Every structure is written in C-alpha cells, then in structure tokens.
Amino acid sequence: MIDLGSPYSWGPDCILVLDSLSRFCDAAYDFREPLTPKGESGKYDARAVYGDAQDAVENVLATLTSDSFQTNVIVIAHGTYMDLPNGEKKIFPQCVGQKLSPKIPQYFPSYVRYINRGGKRTIQLESDAMIDLANPQPSKMAKSLPIETGLADFFAVLREPPKIKPKLVRKV
C-alpha cells in the first residue's frame, strides 16, 4: 500500500478526485440512518437523517474548497433534473435529499458538464437552458473540450504547470 499522506499536504501540483459525489451522498445517508434516535413509536424521523447527511456532505465540500486546502479538487456527480420555484427545470448534482443539490455549484469556481451528443462525448463549458456552468476564463477556452485532453486543457488555462514531480512513498 502506498501512503500519500494527507491531501492537505499534497499542494497545487496534485488533484484529489471524488468520484462520485452521488455515491458519497448515499454513503453519508447510510452512515447516519442507524445513528438516528427512534421516538416512542420505535420509528425515526427520516427528515433528521436527510438533514444530518446533507450537513455532513456540505461540511466536506466546504473543507475541500476552503482556502486552506491547496490541493486541486475534482468532484464528479451525476445530474438530476429539479423543478425551480419559477417553473423552470434545471440540472443539479444528485445528492442526498433536494435541499443541498442547488447549493453545491456555489462551492466551485469551475463547474463543467460531460455531455454525449450524437455519440460524441465532450466537456461542456458554456451554460445553456438546462444547466448553469462556471468557467473563470471563458475568453481563453472553447465552448467545449474533447474528453481525451479536455481536463488537461482546462487546467493548462487555469493553473501553472507542476513545478516538481511527485515522489511516492511506500509504507509497509
């Protein structure tokens, strides 16, 4: 097993990938459910499970996107269609419950979408009627990128190239 240490220590030359936020949210719910106190009827209030799981996931996202966390982060999530109060329908990250999903994009300065059109998968960088995306350098990037090199192209615009080659340390 290779011990890479704490992601806090990795720095800006590394990327932490959470794949996927959707399953991470399921795990947060599953972890919290058996810990929820039962009432006199022997049942628990499911709203408490959802609320606690949402709080836990939001705390993790706040940590990963805080100024003190200097490692790059990619969070992959499945999309879900949600009805907005104004009658519009938009795509948001699939999460535990519905309250947290619309808040998730606010944590990230960059927010892209993988899309399949006509059998060709690309990375969409420009918002459309179904999803609001975030691209901090829209004048320096195309409206979409190929999946083969898209993330490297995206990082090349947003970040300096790595300064040092990471050294792996094997601990037994």
N, C-alpha and C. Protein backbone atom coordinates (compact mmCIF):
# COMPACT_ATOMS: atom_id res chain seq x y z
N MET A 1 0.84 -1.17 0.00
CA MET A 1 0.00 0.00 0.00
C MET A 1 0.89 1.24 0.00
N ILE A 2 0.49 2.24 -0.76
CA ILE A 2 1.25 3.48 -0.83
C ILE A 2 0.53 4.53 0.00
N ASP A 3 1.25 5.13 0.94
CA ASP A 3 0.70 6.19 1.78
C ASP A 3 1.06 7.54 1.16
N LEU A 4 0.07 8.23 0.63
CA LEU A 4 0.31 9.53 0.00
C LEU A 4 0.20 10.68 1.00
N GLY A 5 -0.10 10.36 2.25
CA GLY A 5 -0.23 11.41 3.25
C GLY A 5 -1.57 12.12 3.15
N SER A 6 -1.71 13.16 3.91
CA SER A 6 -2.95 13.94 3.94
C SER A 6 -3.07 14.78 2.67
N PRO A 7 -4.26 14.81 2.05
CA PRO A 7 -4.45 15.66 0.87
C PRO A 7 -4.16 17.15 1.15
N TYR A 8 -4.23 17.56 2.41
CA TYR A 8 -3.86 18.94 2.76
C TYR A 8 -2.40 19.21 2.39
N SER A 9 -1.56 18.18 2.46
CA SER A 9 -0.12 18.37 2.21
C SER A 9 0.26 18.17 0.74
N TRP A 10 -0.65 17.74 -0.10
CA TRP A 10 -0.30 17.45 -1.49
C TRP A 10 0.07 18.71 -2.26
N GLY A 11 -0.66 19.78 -2.07
CA GLY A 11 -0.35 21.04 -2.74
C GLY A 11 -0.96 21.18 -4.12
N PRO A 12 -0.66 22.31 -4.78
CA PRO A 12 -1.30 22.65 -6.05
C PRO A 12 -0.83 21.84 -7.25
N ASP A 13 0.17 20.99 -7.08
CA ASP A 13 0.62 20.14 -8.19
C ASP A 13 -0.16 18.83 -8.26
N CYS A 14 -1.09 18.63 -7.33
CA CYS A 14 -1.84 17.37 -7.27
C CYS A 14 -3.34 17.64 -7.38
N ILE A 15 -4.09 16.57 -7.65
CA ILE A 15 -5.54 16.65 -7.78
C ILE A 15 -6.16 15.54 -6.94
N LEU A 16 -7.12 15.92 -6.10
CA LEU A 16 -7.94 14.96 -5.36
C LEU A 16 -9.23 14.79 -6.15
N VAL A 17 -9.60 13.57 -6.47
CA VAL A 17 -10.82 13.31 -7.22
C VAL A 17 -11.81 12.57 -6.33
N LEU A 18 -13.02 13.14 -6.21
CA LEU A 18 -14.12 12.49 -5.51
C LEU A 18 -15.06 11.96 -6.59
N ASP A 19 -15.07 10.64 -6.77
CA ASP A 19 -15.85 10.01 -7.83
C ASP A 19 -16.67 8.88 -7.21
N SER A 20 -17.89 9.10 -6.95
CA SER A 20 -18.72 10.23 -7.32
C SER A 20 -19.38 10.82 -6.08
N LEU A 21 -19.72 12.08 -6.18
CA LEU A 21 -20.44 12.77 -5.11
C LEU A 21 -21.78 12.08 -4.85
N SER A 22 -22.41 11.60 -5.89
CA SER A 22 -23.71 10.94 -5.75
C SER A 22 -23.62 9.74 -4.82
N ARG A 23 -22.61 8.90 -5.00
CA ARG A 23 -22.45 7.72 -4.13
C ARG A 23 -21.93 8.13 -2.74
N PHE A 24 -21.15 9.19 -2.68
CA PHE A 24 -20.68 9.73 -1.40
C PHE A 24 -21.89 10.17 -0.56
N CYS A 25 -22.86 10.79 -1.21
CA CYS A 25 -24.08 11.21 -0.52
C CYS A 25 -24.88 10.01 -0.02
N ASP A 26 -24.95 8.97 -0.85
CA ASP A 26 -25.62 7.73 -0.42
C ASP A 26 -24.95 7.18 0.84
N ALA A 27 -23.62 7.19 0.84
CA ALA A 27 -22.86 6.68 1.99
C ALA A 27 -23.11 7.53 3.23
N ALA A 28 -23.21 8.84 3.07
CA ALA A 28 -23.48 9.72 4.21
C ALA A 28 -24.85 9.40 4.81
N TYR A 29 -25.82 9.17 3.96
CA TYR A 29 -27.16 8.81 4.43
C TYR A 29 -27.12 7.46 5.15
N ASP A 30 -26.49 6.47 4.51
CA ASP A 30 -26.41 5.12 5.09
C ASP A 30 -25.67 5.12 6.42
N PHE A 31 -24.66 5.97 6.56
CA PHE A 31 -23.91 6.07 7.81
C PHE A 31 -24.80 6.67 8.91
N ARG A 32 -25.55 7.69 8.55
CA ARG A 32 -26.32 8.43 9.56
C ARG A 32 -27.60 7.71 9.98
N GLU A 33 -28.21 6.94 9.07
CA GLU A 33 -29.51 6.33 9.34
C GLU A 33 -29.56 5.50 10.63
N PRO A 34 -28.62 4.57 10.86
CA PRO A 34 -28.73 3.76 12.08
C PRO A 34 -28.41 4.54 13.36
N LEU A 35 -27.83 5.73 13.23
CA LEU A 35 -27.49 6.54 14.40
C LEU A 35 -28.63 7.46 14.84
N THR A 36 -29.68 7.54 14.02
CA THR A 36 -30.78 8.45 14.31
C THR A 36 -31.64 7.88 15.45
N PRO A 37 -31.87 8.69 16.48
CA PRO A 37 -32.69 8.21 17.60
C PRO A 37 -34.12 7.90 17.18
N LYS A 38 -34.66 6.86 17.77
CA LYS A 38 -36.04 6.47 17.48
C LYS A 38 -36.96 7.09 18.54
N GLY A 39 -38.14 7.44 18.11
CA GLY A 39 -39.13 8.01 19.02
C GLY A 39 -39.86 6.91 19.79
N GLU A 40 -40.91 7.28 20.49
CA GLU A 40 -41.69 6.33 21.29
C GLU A 40 -42.33 5.26 20.42
N SER A 41 -42.63 5.59 19.18
CA SER A 41 -43.25 4.62 18.28
C SER A 41 -42.26 3.58 17.76
N GLY A 42 -40.97 3.80 18.05
CA GLY A 42 -39.95 2.89 17.55
C GLY A 42 -39.42 3.27 16.18
N LYS A 43 -39.95 4.36 15.63
CA LYS A 43 -39.51 4.83 14.32
C LYS A 43 -38.72 6.12 14.47
N TYR A 44 -37.93 6.43 13.48
CA TYR A 44 -37.17 7.68 13.49
C TYR A 44 -37.75 8.64 12.45
N ASP A 45 -37.41 9.89 12.60
CA ASP A 45 -37.84 10.92 11.67
C ASP A 45 -36.85 10.96 10.51
N ALA A 46 -37.28 10.54 9.32
CA ALA A 46 -36.39 10.47 8.17
C ALA A 46 -35.82 11.85 7.81
N ARG A 47 -36.54 12.92 8.13
CA ARG A 47 -36.03 14.26 7.85
C ARG A 47 -34.73 14.52 8.60
N ALA A 48 -34.61 13.96 9.79
CA ALA A 48 -33.38 14.13 10.58
C ALA A 48 -32.21 13.44 9.89
N VAL A 49 -32.44 12.27 9.31
CA VAL A 49 -31.38 11.55 8.60
C VAL A 49 -30.93 12.37 7.40
N TYR A 50 -31.89 12.84 6.62
CA TYR A 50 -31.55 13.66 5.45
C TYR A 50 -30.79 14.92 5.87
N GLY A 51 -31.29 15.60 6.89
CA GLY A 51 -30.65 16.83 7.34
C GLY A 51 -29.22 16.60 7.81
N ASP A 52 -29.01 15.56 8.62
CA ASP A 52 -27.66 15.27 9.12
C ASP A 52 -26.72 14.85 7.99
N ALA A 53 -27.22 14.04 7.06
CA ALA A 53 -26.39 13.60 5.93
C ALA A 53 -26.03 14.80 5.04
N GLN A 54 -26.99 15.68 4.79
CA GLN A 54 -26.73 16.87 3.99
C GLN A 54 -25.69 17.76 4.67
N ASP A 55 -25.82 17.94 5.97
CA ASP A 55 -24.85 18.75 6.71
C ASP A 55 -23.45 18.16 6.61
N ALA A 56 -23.34 16.84 6.73
CA ALA A 56 -22.03 16.18 6.66
C ALA A 56 -21.41 16.37 5.27
N VAL A 57 -22.20 16.18 4.22
CA VAL A 57 -21.69 16.33 2.85
C VAL A 57 -21.28 17.79 2.62
N GLU A 58 -22.11 18.72 3.05
CA GLU A 58 -21.79 20.14 2.85
C GLU A 58 -20.51 20.53 3.60
N ASN A 59 -20.30 19.97 4.79
CA ASN A 59 -19.07 20.24 5.53
C ASN A 59 -17.84 19.72 4.78
N VAL A 60 -17.95 18.56 4.16
CA VAL A 60 -16.83 18.03 3.38
C VAL A 60 -16.55 18.93 2.18
N LEU A 61 -17.60 19.36 1.48
CA LEU A 61 -17.41 20.25 0.32
C LEU A 61 -16.80 21.58 0.75
N ALA A 62 -17.24 22.10 1.88
CA ALA A 62 -16.67 23.36 2.39
C ALA A 62 -15.19 23.19 2.71
N THR A 63 -14.82 22.05 3.26
CA THR A 63 -13.41 21.78 3.57
C THR A 63 -12.58 21.67 2.29
N LEU A 64 -13.08 20.90 1.32
CA LEU A 64 -12.32 20.69 0.08
C LEU A 64 -12.16 21.96 -0.75
N THR A 65 -13.04 22.92 -0.57
CA THR A 65 -12.98 24.15 -1.36
C THR A 65 -12.51 25.35 -0.54
N SER A 66 -12.07 25.10 0.68
CA SER A 66 -11.61 26.20 1.54
C SER A 66 -10.23 26.70 1.08
N ASP A 67 -9.90 27.91 1.47
CA ASP A 67 -8.60 28.49 1.11
C ASP A 67 -7.43 27.70 1.71
N SER A 68 -7.66 27.02 2.82
CA SER A 68 -6.58 26.27 3.46
C SER A 68 -6.27 24.95 2.76
N PHE A 69 -7.18 24.50 1.90
CA PHE A 69 -6.98 23.25 1.16
C PHE A 69 -6.37 23.61 -0.19
N GLN A 70 -5.08 23.47 -0.32
CA GLN A 70 -4.34 23.94 -1.50
C GLN A 70 -4.24 22.92 -2.63
N THR A 71 -4.79 21.74 -2.44
CA THR A 71 -4.78 20.71 -3.47
C THR A 71 -5.95 20.95 -4.42
N ASN A 72 -5.75 20.74 -5.71
CA ASN A 72 -6.85 20.85 -6.68
C ASN A 72 -7.87 19.76 -6.41
N VAL A 73 -9.13 20.05 -6.68
CA VAL A 73 -10.21 19.10 -6.40
C VAL A 73 -11.09 18.96 -7.63
N ILE A 74 -11.39 17.73 -7.98
CA ILE A 74 -12.39 17.42 -8.99
C ILE A 74 -13.45 16.58 -8.29
N VAL A 75 -14.69 17.06 -8.35
CA VAL A 75 -15.81 16.31 -7.78
C VAL A 75 -16.72 15.93 -8.94
N ILE A 76 -16.94 14.65 -9.12
CA ILE A 76 -17.78 14.14 -10.19
C ILE A 76 -19.13 13.79 -9.58
N ALA A 77 -20.20 14.26 -10.22
CA ALA A 77 -21.55 13.98 -9.73
C ALA A 77 -22.47 13.65 -10.90
N HIS A 78 -23.42 12.81 -10.64
CA HIS A 78 -24.48 12.57 -11.62
C HIS A 78 -25.43 13.75 -11.56
N GLY A 79 -26.10 14.02 -12.65
CA GLY A 79 -27.04 15.13 -12.68
C GLY A 79 -28.46 14.66 -12.44
N THR A 80 -29.26 15.53 -11.85
CA THR A 80 -30.68 15.25 -11.66
C THR A 80 -31.48 16.49 -12.04
N TYR A 81 -32.62 16.29 -12.66
CA TYR A 81 -33.48 17.40 -13.05
C TYR A 81 -34.31 17.83 -11.84
N MET A 82 -34.32 19.13 -11.60
CA MET A 82 -35.10 19.66 -10.48
C MET A 82 -35.99 20.80 -10.96
N ASP A 83 -37.22 20.84 -10.44
CA ASP A 83 -38.13 21.94 -10.73
C ASP A 83 -37.82 23.10 -9.81
N LEU A 84 -37.66 24.29 -10.39
CA LEU A 84 -37.40 25.50 -9.61
C LEU A 84 -38.72 26.20 -9.27
N PRO A 85 -38.71 27.05 -8.24
CA PRO A 85 -39.94 27.75 -7.86
C PRO A 85 -40.56 28.58 -8.99
N ASN A 86 -39.73 29.07 -9.92
CA ASN A 86 -40.25 29.89 -11.02
C ASN A 86 -40.80 29.05 -12.18
N GLY A 87 -40.83 27.73 -12.00
CA GLY A 87 -41.37 26.85 -13.03
C GLY A 87 -40.34 26.27 -13.98
N GLU A 88 -39.11 26.78 -13.94
CA GLU A 88 -38.05 26.25 -14.79
C GLU A 88 -37.60 24.88 -14.28
N LYS A 89 -36.99 24.12 -15.16
CA LYS A 89 -36.38 22.83 -14.80
C LYS A 89 -34.90 22.97 -15.11
N LYS A 90 -34.04 22.61 -14.15
CA LYS A 90 -32.58 22.71 -14.32
C LYS A 90 -31.93 21.42 -13.84
N ILE A 91 -30.69 21.23 -14.27
CA ILE A 91 -29.90 20.08 -13.83
C ILE A 91 -29.00 20.52 -12.68
N PHE A 92 -29.03 19.75 -11.60
CA PHE A 92 -28.16 19.97 -10.44
C PHE A 92 -27.49 18.66 -10.08
N PRO A 93 -26.40 18.72 -9.28
CA PRO A 93 -25.75 17.48 -8.85
C PRO A 93 -26.71 16.63 -8.01
N GLN A 94 -26.72 15.34 -8.28
CA GLN A 94 -27.54 14.42 -7.50
C GLN A 94 -26.94 14.30 -6.11
N CYS A 95 -27.76 14.50 -5.10
CA CYS A 95 -27.27 14.50 -3.73
C CYS A 95 -28.30 13.85 -2.82
N VAL A 96 -28.01 13.80 -1.54
CA VAL A 96 -28.97 13.28 -0.57
C VAL A 96 -30.04 14.35 -0.35
N GLY A 97 -31.29 13.99 -0.55
CA GLY A 97 -32.37 14.97 -0.43
C GLY A 97 -32.33 15.96 -1.58
N GLN A 98 -33.13 17.03 -1.46
CA GLN A 98 -33.19 18.03 -2.53
C GLN A 98 -32.67 19.40 -2.12
N LYS A 99 -32.50 19.64 -0.86
CA LYS A 99 -32.10 20.97 -0.38
C LYS A 99 -30.65 21.32 -0.73
N LEU A 100 -29.76 20.35 -0.70
CA LEU A 100 -28.34 20.61 -0.90
C LEU A 100 -27.97 20.75 -2.38
N SER A 101 -28.63 20.01 -3.26
CA SER A 101 -28.25 19.98 -4.67
C SER A 101 -28.05 21.36 -5.30
N PRO A 102 -28.98 22.32 -5.13
CA PRO A 102 -28.77 23.64 -5.76
C PRO A 102 -27.64 24.45 -5.13
N LYS A 103 -27.20 24.09 -3.93
CA LYS A 103 -26.12 24.83 -3.27
C LYS A 103 -24.74 24.34 -3.70
N ILE A 104 -24.63 23.12 -4.16
CA ILE A 104 -23.33 22.51 -4.47
C ILE A 104 -22.53 23.33 -5.48
N PRO A 105 -23.11 23.76 -6.61
CA PRO A 105 -22.29 24.52 -7.58
C PRO A 105 -21.67 25.79 -7.00
N GLN A 106 -22.26 26.37 -5.98
CA GLN A 106 -21.75 27.59 -5.37
C GLN A 106 -20.39 27.38 -4.71
N TYR A 107 -20.03 26.15 -4.41
CA TYR A 107 -18.75 25.87 -3.76
C TYR A 107 -17.58 25.86 -4.75
N PHE A 108 -17.87 25.82 -6.05
CA PHE A 108 -16.81 25.61 -7.02
C PHE A 108 -16.69 26.77 -8.00
N PRO A 109 -15.47 27.30 -8.17
CA PRO A 109 -15.28 28.38 -9.14
C PRO A 109 -15.38 27.89 -10.59
N SER A 110 -15.16 26.62 -10.78
CA SER A 110 -15.28 26.00 -12.11
C SER A 110 -16.30 24.87 -12.01
N TYR A 111 -17.20 24.87 -12.97
CA TYR A 111 -18.29 23.89 -12.94
C TYR A 111 -18.59 23.52 -14.39
N VAL A 112 -18.27 22.27 -14.77
CA VAL A 112 -18.41 21.84 -16.17
C VAL A 112 -19.33 20.63 -16.23
N ARG A 113 -19.68 20.27 -17.45
CA ARG A 113 -20.60 19.15 -17.66
C ARG A 113 -20.06 18.25 -18.75
N TYR A 114 -20.04 16.96 -18.49
CA TYR A 114 -19.73 15.98 -19.52
C TYR A 114 -21.04 15.67 -20.24
N ILE A 115 -21.01 15.71 -21.55
CA ILE A 115 -22.24 15.53 -22.32
C ILE A 115 -21.98 14.61 -23.50
N ASN A 116 -23.00 13.87 -23.90
CA ASN A 116 -22.92 12.98 -25.06
C ASN A 116 -23.92 13.48 -26.09
N ARG A 117 -23.40 13.96 -27.21
CA ARG A 117 -24.27 14.43 -28.29
C ARG A 117 -23.91 13.67 -29.56
N GLY A 118 -24.88 12.95 -30.05
CA GLY A 118 -24.66 12.19 -31.28
C GLY A 118 -23.56 11.16 -31.15
N GLY A 119 -23.40 10.57 -29.98
CA GLY A 119 -22.38 9.56 -29.77
C GLY A 119 -20.99 10.11 -29.49
N LYS A 120 -20.87 11.45 -29.45
CA LYS A 120 -19.57 12.06 -29.17
C LYS A 120 -19.63 12.73 -27.80
N ARG A 121 -18.74 12.30 -26.90
CA ARG A 121 -18.68 12.87 -25.55
C ARG A 121 -17.72 14.05 -25.53
N THR A 122 -18.17 15.14 -24.90
CA THR A 122 -17.35 16.33 -24.77
C THR A 122 -17.56 16.93 -23.39
N ILE A 123 -16.69 17.88 -23.06
CA ILE A 123 -16.83 18.64 -21.82
C ILE A 123 -17.45 19.98 -22.19
N GLN A 124 -18.64 20.23 -21.69
CA GLN A 124 -19.36 21.47 -21.97
C GLN A 124 -18.91 22.53 -20.96
N LEU A 125 -18.54 23.71 -21.47
CA LEU A 125 -18.05 24.80 -20.61
C LEU A 125 -18.99 26.00 -20.58
N GLU A 126 -19.99 26.00 -21.43
CA GLU A 126 -20.89 27.14 -21.53
C GLU A 126 -22.28 26.76 -21.04
N SER A 127 -22.88 27.61 -20.20
CA SER A 127 -24.22 27.36 -19.69
C SER A 127 -25.23 27.27 -20.83
N ASP A 128 -26.31 26.54 -20.57
CA ASP A 128 -27.43 26.51 -21.51
C ASP A 128 -28.73 26.56 -20.70
N ALA A 129 -29.85 26.33 -21.34
CA ALA A 129 -31.14 26.44 -20.66
C ALA A 129 -31.31 25.43 -19.53
N MET A 130 -30.58 24.31 -19.58
CA MET A 130 -30.77 23.25 -18.58
C MET A 130 -29.79 23.28 -17.43
N ILE A 131 -28.63 23.94 -17.62
CA ILE A 131 -27.61 23.90 -16.57
C ILE A 131 -26.80 25.20 -16.57
N ASP A 132 -26.53 25.69 -15.37
CA ASP A 132 -25.69 26.87 -15.20
C ASP A 132 -24.29 26.41 -14.84
N LEU A 133 -23.32 26.70 -15.72
CA LEU A 133 -21.95 26.27 -15.52
C LEU A 133 -21.09 27.46 -15.13
N ALA A 134 -19.86 27.20 -14.70
CA ALA A 134 -18.94 28.27 -14.31
C ALA A 134 -17.58 28.02 -14.95
N ASN A 135 -17.13 29.00 -15.70
CA ASN A 135 -15.82 28.96 -16.35
C ASN A 135 -15.13 30.29 -16.03
N PRO A 136 -14.12 30.28 -15.16
CA PRO A 136 -13.49 31.54 -14.75
C PRO A 136 -12.67 32.22 -15.86
N GLN A 137 -12.40 31.54 -16.95
CA GLN A 137 -11.63 32.12 -18.06
C GLN A 137 -12.34 31.84 -19.40
N PRO A 138 -13.58 32.28 -19.58
CA PRO A 138 -14.30 31.92 -20.80
C PRO A 138 -13.67 32.46 -22.09
N SER A 139 -12.98 33.58 -22.01
CA SER A 139 -12.36 34.13 -23.22
C SER A 139 -11.12 33.36 -23.66
N LYS A 140 -10.59 32.50 -22.78
CA LYS A 140 -9.38 31.74 -23.09
C LYS A 140 -9.65 30.28 -23.44
N MET A 141 -10.95 29.89 -23.39
CA MET A 141 -11.29 28.49 -23.66
C MET A 141 -12.40 28.40 -24.69
N ALA A 142 -12.44 27.26 -25.35
CA ALA A 142 -13.52 26.98 -26.28
C ALA A 142 -14.81 26.72 -25.49
N LYS A 143 -15.93 26.63 -26.19
CA LYS A 143 -17.21 26.37 -25.53
C LYS A 143 -17.33 24.92 -25.09
N SER A 144 -16.52 24.05 -25.70
CA SER A 144 -16.47 22.65 -25.30
C SER A 144 -15.06 22.12 -25.56
N LEU A 145 -14.73 21.04 -24.85
CA LEU A 145 -13.40 20.43 -24.98
C LEU A 145 -13.57 18.93 -25.20
N PRO A 146 -12.63 18.29 -25.91
CA PRO A 146 -12.70 16.84 -26.08
C PRO A 146 -12.38 16.14 -24.75
N ILE A 147 -13.03 15.00 -24.51
CA ILE A 147 -12.78 14.33 -23.23
C ILE A 147 -11.38 13.76 -23.14
N GLU A 148 -10.76 13.47 -24.29
CA GLU A 148 -9.42 12.87 -24.27
C GLU A 148 -8.39 13.80 -23.63
N THR A 149 -8.48 15.09 -23.90
CA THR A 149 -7.48 16.04 -23.39
C THR A 149 -8.12 17.22 -22.66
N GLY A 150 -9.44 17.22 -22.54
CA GLY A 150 -10.17 18.37 -22.02
C GLY A 150 -9.76 18.84 -20.65
N LEU A 151 -9.61 17.93 -19.71
CA LEU A 151 -9.23 18.36 -18.35
C LEU A 151 -7.82 18.93 -18.33
N ALA A 152 -6.91 18.34 -19.09
CA ALA A 152 -5.55 18.89 -19.18
C ALA A 152 -5.58 20.28 -19.80
N ASP A 153 -6.39 20.45 -20.84
CA ASP A 153 -6.52 21.77 -21.48
C ASP A 153 -7.11 22.78 -20.50
N PHE A 154 -8.11 22.35 -19.76
CA PHE A 154 -8.78 23.21 -18.78
C PHE A 154 -7.79 23.66 -17.71
N PHE A 155 -7.05 22.71 -17.15
CA PHE A 155 -6.06 23.03 -16.11
C PHE A 155 -4.93 23.88 -16.66
N ALA A 156 -4.55 23.68 -17.91
CA ALA A 156 -3.47 24.47 -18.51
C ALA A 156 -3.82 25.95 -18.54
N VAL A 157 -5.08 26.26 -18.72
CA VAL A 157 -5.52 27.66 -18.73
C VAL A 157 -5.60 28.21 -17.31
N LEU A 158 -6.05 27.40 -16.38
CA LEU A 158 -6.31 27.87 -15.02
C LEU A 158 -5.13 27.79 -14.06
N ARG A 159 -4.18 26.92 -14.33
CA ARG A 159 -3.07 26.67 -13.41
C ARG A 159 -1.73 26.69 -14.12
N GLU A 160 -0.69 26.98 -13.35
CA GLU A 160 0.66 26.84 -13.88
C GLU A 160 0.99 25.35 -13.95
N PRO A 161 1.91 24.96 -14.85
CA PRO A 161 2.31 23.55 -14.90
C PRO A 161 2.95 23.12 -13.58
N PRO A 162 2.88 21.84 -13.24
CA PRO A 162 3.51 21.37 -12.00
C PRO A 162 4.99 21.71 -11.95
N LYS A 163 5.45 22.11 -10.76
CA LYS A 163 6.84 22.50 -10.57
C LYS A 163 7.76 21.32 -10.30
N ILE A 164 7.22 20.35 -9.57
CA ILE A 164 8.03 19.19 -9.22
C ILE A 164 7.25 17.91 -9.53
N LYS A 165 7.98 16.85 -9.76
CA LYS A 165 7.36 15.56 -9.97
C LYS A 165 7.08 14.95 -8.59
N PRO A 166 5.84 14.52 -8.33
CA PRO A 166 5.54 13.96 -7.01
C PRO A 166 6.35 12.70 -6.72
N LYS A 167 6.78 12.58 -5.49
CA LYS A 167 7.55 11.42 -5.05
C LYS A 167 6.63 10.53 -4.23
N LEU A 168 6.46 9.29 -4.69
CA LEU A 168 5.61 8.35 -3.96
C LEU A 168 6.43 7.68 -2.87
N VAL A 169 5.82 7.57 -1.71
CA VAL A 169 6.48 6.94 -0.58
C VAL A 169 5.71 5.67 -0.24
N ARG A 170 6.41 4.58 -0.21
CA ARG A 170 5.76 3.30 0.10
C ARG A 170 5.98 2.98 1.57
N LYS A 171 4.86 2.79 2.29
CA LYS A 171 4.95 2.41 3.70
C LYS A 171 4.36 1.02 3.86
N VAL A 172 5.03 0.19 4.62
CA VAL A 172 4.55 -1.16 4.86
C VAL A 172 4.06 -1.29 6.27
